[in-house]
Amino acid sequence: MPRDQTVTSSKKVRRMTDSEKQLAAVARKRLTHKEIKVFVRNPLKDLMINECKREGVNQAQFVEKLIEDELRKRGLLE
């Protein structure tokens, strides 16, 4: 075969599905974060959603800031 000819494979590169991308993102996040699962009363959740929109943050960022602020207030976080 001459040098200037390229051998190509008939195999197609498979793209990740949306669910696979989500699983990969969660796996990466688990390296540096721990998951918490909580239930809160509906009115509190509704208020939180409104505050998140107003501040331009997601719910995880909002809750993380609340935890940081409380731990700092208690002298447990610098």
N, C-alpha and C. Protein backbone atom coordinates (compact mmCIF):
# COMPACT_ATOMS: atom_id res chain seq x y z
N MET A 1 0.84 -1.17 0.00
CA MET A 1 0.00 0.00 0.00
C MET A 1 0.89 1.24 0.00
N PRO A 2 0.64 2.20 -0.88
CA PRO A 2 1.43 3.42 -0.93
C PRO A 2 1.28 4.22 0.36
N ARG A 3 2.32 5.00 0.67
CA ARG A 3 2.34 5.76 1.90
C ARG A 3 1.26 6.83 2.00
N ASP A 4 0.84 7.38 0.91
CA ASP A 4 -0.11 8.49 0.96
C ASP A 4 -1.55 8.04 1.14
N GLN A 5 -1.79 6.75 1.17
CA GLN A 5 -3.15 6.27 1.42
C GLN A 5 -3.35 6.05 2.91
N THR A 6 -4.50 6.44 3.40
CA THR A 6 -4.81 6.30 4.81
C THR A 6 -5.84 5.21 5.00
N VAL A 7 -5.59 4.38 5.95
CA VAL A 7 -6.54 3.33 6.27
C VAL A 7 -7.56 3.92 7.24
N THR A 8 -8.81 3.83 6.89
CA THR A 8 -9.85 4.34 7.77
C THR A 8 -10.67 3.17 8.30
N SER A 9 -11.15 3.36 9.48
CA SER A 9 -11.95 2.32 10.10
C SER A 9 -13.42 2.61 9.82
N SER A 10 -14.17 1.57 9.70
CA SER A 10 -15.60 1.76 9.47
C SER A 10 -16.35 1.92 10.80
N LYS A 11 -15.62 1.84 11.91
CA LYS A 11 -16.26 1.99 13.21
C LYS A 11 -16.58 3.46 13.46
N LYS A 12 -17.77 3.69 13.92
CA LYS A 12 -18.18 5.05 14.23
C LYS A 12 -17.89 5.33 15.71
N VAL A 13 -17.55 6.57 15.98
CA VAL A 13 -17.34 6.98 17.37
C VAL A 13 -18.71 7.16 18.01
N ARG A 14 -18.93 6.44 19.09
CA ARG A 14 -20.22 6.52 19.76
C ARG A 14 -20.23 7.69 20.72
N ARG A 15 -21.24 8.52 20.62
CA ARG A 15 -21.37 9.66 21.52
C ARG A 15 -22.12 9.25 22.77
N MET A 16 -21.83 9.96 23.85
CA MET A 16 -22.51 9.66 25.12
C MET A 16 -23.94 10.18 25.07
N THR A 17 -24.84 9.42 25.66
CA THR A 17 -26.21 9.88 25.77
C THR A 17 -26.28 10.91 26.89
N ASP A 18 -27.39 11.63 26.96
CA ASP A 18 -27.57 12.62 28.03
C ASP A 18 -27.49 11.98 29.40
N SER A 19 -28.07 10.80 29.55
CA SER A 19 -28.04 10.13 30.85
C SER A 19 -26.62 9.69 31.20
N GLU A 20 -25.85 9.27 30.21
CA GLU A 20 -24.45 8.89 30.46
C GLU A 20 -23.63 10.12 30.86
N LYS A 21 -23.89 11.24 30.22
CA LYS A 21 -23.20 12.48 30.57
C LYS A 21 -23.52 12.89 32.00
N GLN A 22 -24.79 12.76 32.38
CA GLN A 22 -25.22 13.09 33.73
C GLN A 22 -24.54 12.18 34.76
N LEU A 23 -24.50 10.89 34.47
CA LEU A 23 -23.84 9.94 35.38
C LEU A 23 -22.36 10.27 35.53
N ALA A 24 -21.71 10.64 34.44
CA ALA A 24 -20.29 11.00 34.49
C ALA A 24 -20.09 12.26 35.32
N ALA A 25 -20.97 13.23 35.16
CA ALA A 25 -20.86 14.47 35.93
C ALA A 25 -21.04 14.20 37.42
N VAL A 26 -21.99 13.35 37.77
CA VAL A 26 -22.22 12.99 39.17
C VAL A 26 -21.00 12.24 39.72
N ALA A 27 -20.44 11.36 38.94
CA ALA A 27 -19.25 10.62 39.38
C ALA A 27 -18.09 11.56 39.66
N ARG A 28 -17.90 12.56 38.80
CA ARG A 28 -16.83 13.55 39.02
C ARG A 28 -17.11 14.36 40.28
N LYS A 29 -18.36 14.74 40.47
CA LYS A 29 -18.73 15.54 41.64
C LYS A 29 -18.49 14.77 42.93
N ARG A 30 -18.73 13.45 42.92
CA ARG A 30 -18.55 12.63 44.12
C ARG A 30 -17.10 12.59 44.60
N LEU A 31 -16.15 12.97 43.74
CA LEU A 31 -14.75 12.99 44.15
C LEU A 31 -14.49 14.08 45.17
N THR A 32 -15.26 15.17 45.11
CA THR A 32 -15.01 16.31 45.98
C THR A 32 -16.20 16.71 46.84
N HIS A 33 -17.33 16.07 46.66
CA HIS A 33 -18.55 16.44 47.37
C HIS A 33 -19.22 15.20 47.97
N LYS A 34 -20.01 15.44 49.00
CA LYS A 34 -20.85 14.38 49.56
C LYS A 34 -22.30 14.79 49.40
N GLU A 35 -23.12 13.83 49.11
CA GLU A 35 -24.54 14.08 48.87
C GLU A 35 -25.30 14.12 50.19
N ILE A 36 -26.25 15.05 50.28
CA ILE A 36 -27.19 15.04 51.39
C ILE A 36 -28.59 15.02 50.80
N LYS A 37 -29.49 14.37 51.50
CA LYS A 37 -30.87 14.29 51.02
C LYS A 37 -31.76 14.74 52.15
N VAL A 38 -32.54 15.76 51.91
CA VAL A 38 -33.40 16.31 52.95
C VAL A 38 -34.80 16.55 52.41
N PHE A 39 -35.75 16.53 53.31
CA PHE A 39 -37.11 16.92 53.00
C PHE A 39 -37.41 18.19 53.78
N VAL A 40 -37.95 19.18 53.10
CA VAL A 40 -38.34 20.43 53.76
C VAL A 40 -39.79 20.72 53.42
N ARG A 41 -40.40 21.49 54.27
CA ARG A 41 -41.80 21.85 54.03
C ARG A 41 -41.93 22.63 52.72
N ASN A 42 -43.02 22.42 52.03
CA ASN A 42 -43.25 23.04 50.71
C ASN A 42 -43.06 24.55 50.70
N PRO A 43 -43.61 25.29 51.68
CA PRO A 43 -43.44 26.75 51.64
C PRO A 43 -41.96 27.18 51.73
N LEU A 44 -41.18 26.44 52.50
CA LEU A 44 -39.75 26.76 52.60
C LEU A 44 -39.05 26.52 51.27
N LYS A 45 -39.37 25.42 50.64
CA LYS A 45 -38.78 25.10 49.34
C LYS A 45 -39.16 26.16 48.30
N ASP A 46 -40.42 26.57 48.31
CA ASP A 46 -40.87 27.60 47.36
C ASP A 46 -40.11 28.91 47.57
N LEU A 47 -39.94 29.31 48.82
CA LEU A 47 -39.18 30.53 49.12
C LEU A 47 -37.72 30.38 48.67
N MET A 48 -37.15 29.21 48.91
CA MET A 48 -35.77 28.97 48.51
C MET A 48 -35.62 29.07 46.99
N ILE A 49 -36.54 28.50 46.26
CA ILE A 49 -36.49 28.57 44.79
C ILE A 49 -36.52 30.01 44.33
N ASN A 50 -37.38 30.81 44.94
CA ASN A 50 -37.46 32.23 44.57
C ASN A 50 -36.15 32.95 44.87
N GLU A 51 -35.56 32.66 46.02
CA GLU A 51 -34.29 33.29 46.39
C GLU A 51 -33.17 32.85 45.44
N CYS A 52 -33.17 31.60 45.07
CA CYS A 52 -32.17 31.11 44.13
C CYS A 52 -32.26 31.86 42.80
N LYS A 53 -33.46 32.04 42.31
CA LYS A 53 -33.65 32.78 41.06
C LYS A 53 -33.18 34.21 41.21
N ARG A 54 -33.53 34.83 42.34
CA ARG A 54 -33.16 36.23 42.59
C ARG A 54 -31.65 36.39 42.67
N GLU A 55 -30.98 35.44 43.31
CA GLU A 55 -29.53 35.52 43.49
C GLU A 55 -28.75 34.94 42.32
N GLY A 56 -29.42 34.21 41.44
CA GLY A 56 -28.75 33.62 40.29
C GLY A 56 -27.87 32.43 40.66
N VAL A 57 -28.31 31.66 41.65
CA VAL A 57 -27.57 30.47 42.07
C VAL A 57 -28.49 29.26 41.98
N ASN A 58 -27.90 28.08 41.97
CA ASN A 58 -28.74 26.88 42.00
C ASN A 58 -29.00 26.49 43.45
N GLN A 59 -29.88 25.53 43.64
CA GLN A 59 -30.29 25.15 44.99
C GLN A 59 -29.13 24.58 45.80
N ALA A 60 -28.26 23.82 45.18
CA ALA A 60 -27.11 23.26 45.90
C ALA A 60 -26.20 24.38 46.39
N GLN A 61 -25.96 25.37 45.55
CA GLN A 61 -25.12 26.50 45.96
C GLN A 61 -25.77 27.26 47.11
N PHE A 62 -27.06 27.44 47.05
CA PHE A 62 -27.79 28.16 48.10
C PHE A 62 -27.68 27.42 49.43
N VAL A 63 -27.92 26.12 49.42
CA VAL A 63 -27.86 25.33 50.66
C VAL A 63 -26.44 25.28 51.19
N GLU A 64 -25.46 25.12 50.31
CA GLU A 64 -24.07 25.08 50.74
C GLU A 64 -23.68 26.39 51.43
N LYS A 65 -24.14 27.52 50.89
CA LYS A 65 -23.84 28.82 51.51
C LYS A 65 -24.51 28.93 52.88
N LEU A 66 -25.74 28.45 53.00
CA LEU A 66 -26.42 28.47 54.31
C LEU A 66 -25.62 27.67 55.34
N ILE A 67 -25.15 26.50 54.94
CA ILE A 67 -24.37 25.65 55.85
C ILE A 67 -23.07 26.34 56.23
N GLU A 68 -22.38 26.89 55.24
CA GLU A 68 -21.13 27.59 55.52
C GLU A 68 -21.35 28.75 56.48
N ASP A 69 -22.39 29.56 56.23
CA ASP A 69 -22.68 30.71 57.09
C ASP A 69 -22.96 30.26 58.53
N GLU A 70 -23.73 29.21 58.69
CA GLU A 70 -24.07 28.72 60.04
C GLU A 70 -22.85 28.16 60.74
N LEU A 71 -22.03 27.39 60.04
CA LEU A 71 -20.83 26.83 60.65
C LEU A 71 -19.84 27.94 61.02
N ARG A 72 -19.75 28.97 60.19
CA ARG A 72 -18.87 30.11 60.48
C ARG A 72 -19.39 30.84 61.72
N LYS A 73 -20.71 31.02 61.80
CA LYS A 73 -21.33 31.69 62.94
C LYS A 73 -21.04 30.93 64.25
N ARG A 74 -20.98 29.62 64.16
CA ARG A 74 -20.72 28.79 65.34
C ARG A 74 -19.22 28.64 65.64
N GLY A 75 -18.39 29.25 64.81
CA GLY A 75 -16.96 29.19 65.02
C GLY A 75 -16.32 27.89 64.59
N LEU A 76 -17.00 27.13 63.76
CA LEU A 76 -16.48 25.85 63.31
C LEU A 76 -15.78 25.93 61.96
N LEU A 77 -15.90 27.08 61.32
CA LEU A 77 -15.32 27.28 59.99
C LEU A 77 -14.70 28.67 59.95
N GLU A 78 -13.52 28.75 59.42
CA GLU A 78 -12.84 30.05 59.36
C GLU A 78 -13.34 30.86 58.19
